[in-house]
Structures are given as structure tokens and as C-alpha cells.
Amino acid sequence: MFVFMTGRENFAKLLANIGMATKMKTADPQLTVELIFLTPAVETLNKRQVMFKPVLEAIKEAKKTGIKIVACEVAMANVGLQKEDIEYGLVDEFASVGGLYVLQKIKEGYEVLTI
């Protein structure tokens, strides 16, 4: 599981790690990979911001390999992001509290990379 906490302040890091996740999933299609977007990274899911287009395109490529995309609803509220601001179908699941979602995944045996 990739936990994204970096946003517009470090696009290169965000894009590089989405790309790495995509390559990992492509190399091993049986691997379960999830990307969860917390504050401030969740802000990059906003389809109305032109500057986020490279991130959105990278996420779409990741989804083609079977990677699950999760957005934290608390983080969304913190940055004023509504579900309508996110392209339909981009996010597979909206976690009510991202931290608890990550904790549950750790309990399930997921390895977590925080970016």
C-alpha cells in the first residue's frame, strides 16, 4: 500500500511513486497494490485543477493495471474537496478516516510505503 501525504509541493515524488506502483503491479499482476491519498495529497485528485492533470493521468494508468485508488474523506474535507470534484470512476473507495483504513490494512498484513 502506498500512502500519499505529499501533494503539490512535491509533484515529482508523487508521480515517481505512482509510476513505481504501476511498474510493480505490471511486473507481478498477482500483487495487491493500493494507493491511498491523505492530506494534502488528496487535493491532487481535483479534476478542476489543470496543474494536477499529470497526476490524474498517472493514476488512470495505474488503474489499468488493477491498482486500487482510495481517497480519505477527512482529508477531502480538510482541503475543501467534494466527490463531484473528482472524475467519476477515478477513486475506487472513499475511506471515511484514512488513518483507520491504513491501520486495518496493516493488520491484514499489508506493507506500507509512506510518501
Protein backbone atom coordinates (compact mmCIF):
# COMPACT_ATOMS: atom_id res chain seq x y z
CA MET A 1 0.00 0.00 0.00
CA PHE A 2 1.29 3.43 -0.93
CA VAL A 3 0.17 6.16 1.47
CA PHE A 4 0.44 9.54 -0.24
CA MET A 5 0.83 12.52 2.04
CA THR A 6 2.75 14.76 -0.34
CA GLY A 7 0.89 16.88 -2.83
CA ARG A 8 1.54 19.90 -4.99
CA GLU A 9 4.68 20.69 -3.00
CA ASN A 10 6.41 17.65 -4.48
CA PHE A 11 4.82 16.53 -7.75
CA ALA A 12 7.97 14.71 -8.87
CA LYS A 13 7.93 12.46 -5.81
CA LEU A 14 4.22 11.81 -6.15
CA LEU A 15 4.45 10.96 -9.86
CA ALA A 16 7.56 8.80 -9.38
CA ASN A 17 5.86 6.69 -6.73
CA ILE A 18 2.64 6.26 -8.71
CA GLY A 19 4.86 5.12 -11.58
CA MET A 20 6.75 2.73 -9.30
CA ALA A 21 3.49 1.23 -8.05
CA THR A 22 2.34 0.75 -11.64
CA LYS A 23 5.59 -0.99 -12.58
CA MET A 24 5.38 -3.25 -9.53
CA LYS A 25 1.83 -4.29 -10.44
CA THR A 26 2.77 -4.80 -14.09
CA ALA A 27 5.74 -6.97 -13.09
CA ASP A 28 3.58 -9.06 -10.76
CA PRO A 29 -0.13 -8.93 -11.68
CA GLN A 30 -0.98 -11.07 -8.62
CA LEU A 31 0.41 -8.39 -6.30
CA THR A 32 -2.23 -6.37 -4.46
CA VAL A 33 -1.40 -2.67 -4.70
CA GLU A 34 -3.45 0.21 -3.32
CA LEU A 35 -2.83 3.94 -3.38
CA ILE A 36 -4.45 5.98 -0.63
CA PHE A 37 -4.48 9.75 -0.78
CA LEU A 38 -4.41 11.65 2.51
CA THR A 39 -3.94 15.37 3.25
CA PRO A 40 -2.54 17.20 1.28
CA ALA A 41 -2.12 14.59 -1.49
CA VAL A 42 -5.89 14.12 -1.84
CA GLU A 43 -6.01 17.62 -3.29
CA THR A 44 -4.28 16.29 -6.44
CA LEU A 45 -7.40 14.28 -7.30
CA ASN A 46 -9.23 17.51 -8.16
CA LYS A 47 -10.23 17.35 -11.84
CA ARG A 48 -10.87 21.11 -11.87
CA GLN A 49 -7.19 21.98 -11.34
CA VAL A 50 -5.23 21.89 -14.60
CA MET A 51 -1.93 21.62 -12.74
CA PHE A 52 -2.95 18.17 -11.42
CA LYS A 53 -3.50 16.66 -14.89
CA PRO A 54 -0.17 14.71 -14.90
CA VAL A 55 -1.10 13.10 -11.57
CA LEU A 56 -4.58 12.21 -12.79
CA GLU A 57 -3.15 10.65 -15.97
CA ALA A 58 -0.64 8.62 -13.92
CA ILE A 59 -3.47 7.39 -11.69
CA LYS A 60 -5.50 6.34 -14.73
CA GLU A 61 -2.53 4.32 -15.99
CA ALA A 62 -2.15 2.73 -12.56
CA LYS A 63 -5.83 1.76 -12.53
CA LYS A 64 -5.41 -0.01 -15.90
CA THR A 65 -3.04 -2.46 -14.17
CA GLY A 66 -5.57 -3.20 -11.42
CA ILE A 67 -4.32 -0.85 -8.73
CA LYS A 68 -7.00 0.28 -6.29
CA ILE A 69 -7.34 4.02 -5.59
CA VAL A 70 -8.61 5.19 -2.20
CA ALA A 71 -9.33 8.75 -1.03
CA CYS A 72 -9.68 9.80 2.61
CA GLU A 73 -12.93 11.67 3.22
CA VAL A 74 -11.50 13.52 6.24
CA ALA A 75 -8.59 14.71 4.09
CA MET A 76 -11.04 15.76 1.37
CA ALA A 77 -12.99 17.83 3.88
CA ASN A 78 -9.76 19.39 5.14
CA VAL A 79 -8.91 20.74 1.68
CA GLY A 80 -12.50 21.52 0.63
CA LEU A 81 -12.65 18.74 -1.97
CA GLN A 82 -16.04 17.27 -2.83
CA LYS A 83 -16.66 13.93 -4.55
CA GLU A 84 -18.03 15.89 -7.51
CA ASP A 85 -14.56 17.48 -7.89
CA ILE A 86 -13.10 14.04 -8.66
CA GLU A 87 -13.55 12.43 -12.06
CA TYR A 88 -16.20 9.72 -11.88
CA GLY A 89 -14.60 6.28 -11.56
CA LEU A 90 -11.13 7.54 -10.67
CA VAL A 91 -11.45 6.60 -6.98
CA ASP A 92 -12.45 3.04 -6.16
CA GLU A 93 -13.21 3.67 -2.50
CA PHE A 94 -13.73 6.63 -0.21
CA ALA A 95 -12.39 5.82 3.26
CA SER A 96 -14.21 7.72 5.98
CA VAL A 97 -10.97 8.01 8.02
CA GLY A 98 -7.81 7.30 6.05
CA GLY A 99 -5.65 6.58 9.08
CA LEU A 100 -8.02 3.86 10.26
CA TYR A 101 -8.15 2.41 6.75
CA VAL A 102 -4.34 2.19 6.71
CA LEU A 103 -4.31 0.64 10.19
CA GLN A 104 -6.76 -2.05 9.05
CA LYS A 105 -4.59 -2.83 6.04
CA ILE A 106 -1.52 -3.16 8.28
CA LYS A 107 -3.47 -5.62 10.45
CA GLU A 108 -4.28 -7.56 7.26
CA GLY A 109 -0.56 -7.87 6.55
CA TYR A 110 -0.09 -5.09 4.00
CA GLU A 111 3.30 -3.47 3.76
CA VAL A 112 3.03 0.31 3.78
CA LEU A 113 5.16 2.86 1.96
CA THR A 114 4.51 6.42 3.09
CA ILE A 115 5.26 9.17 0.61
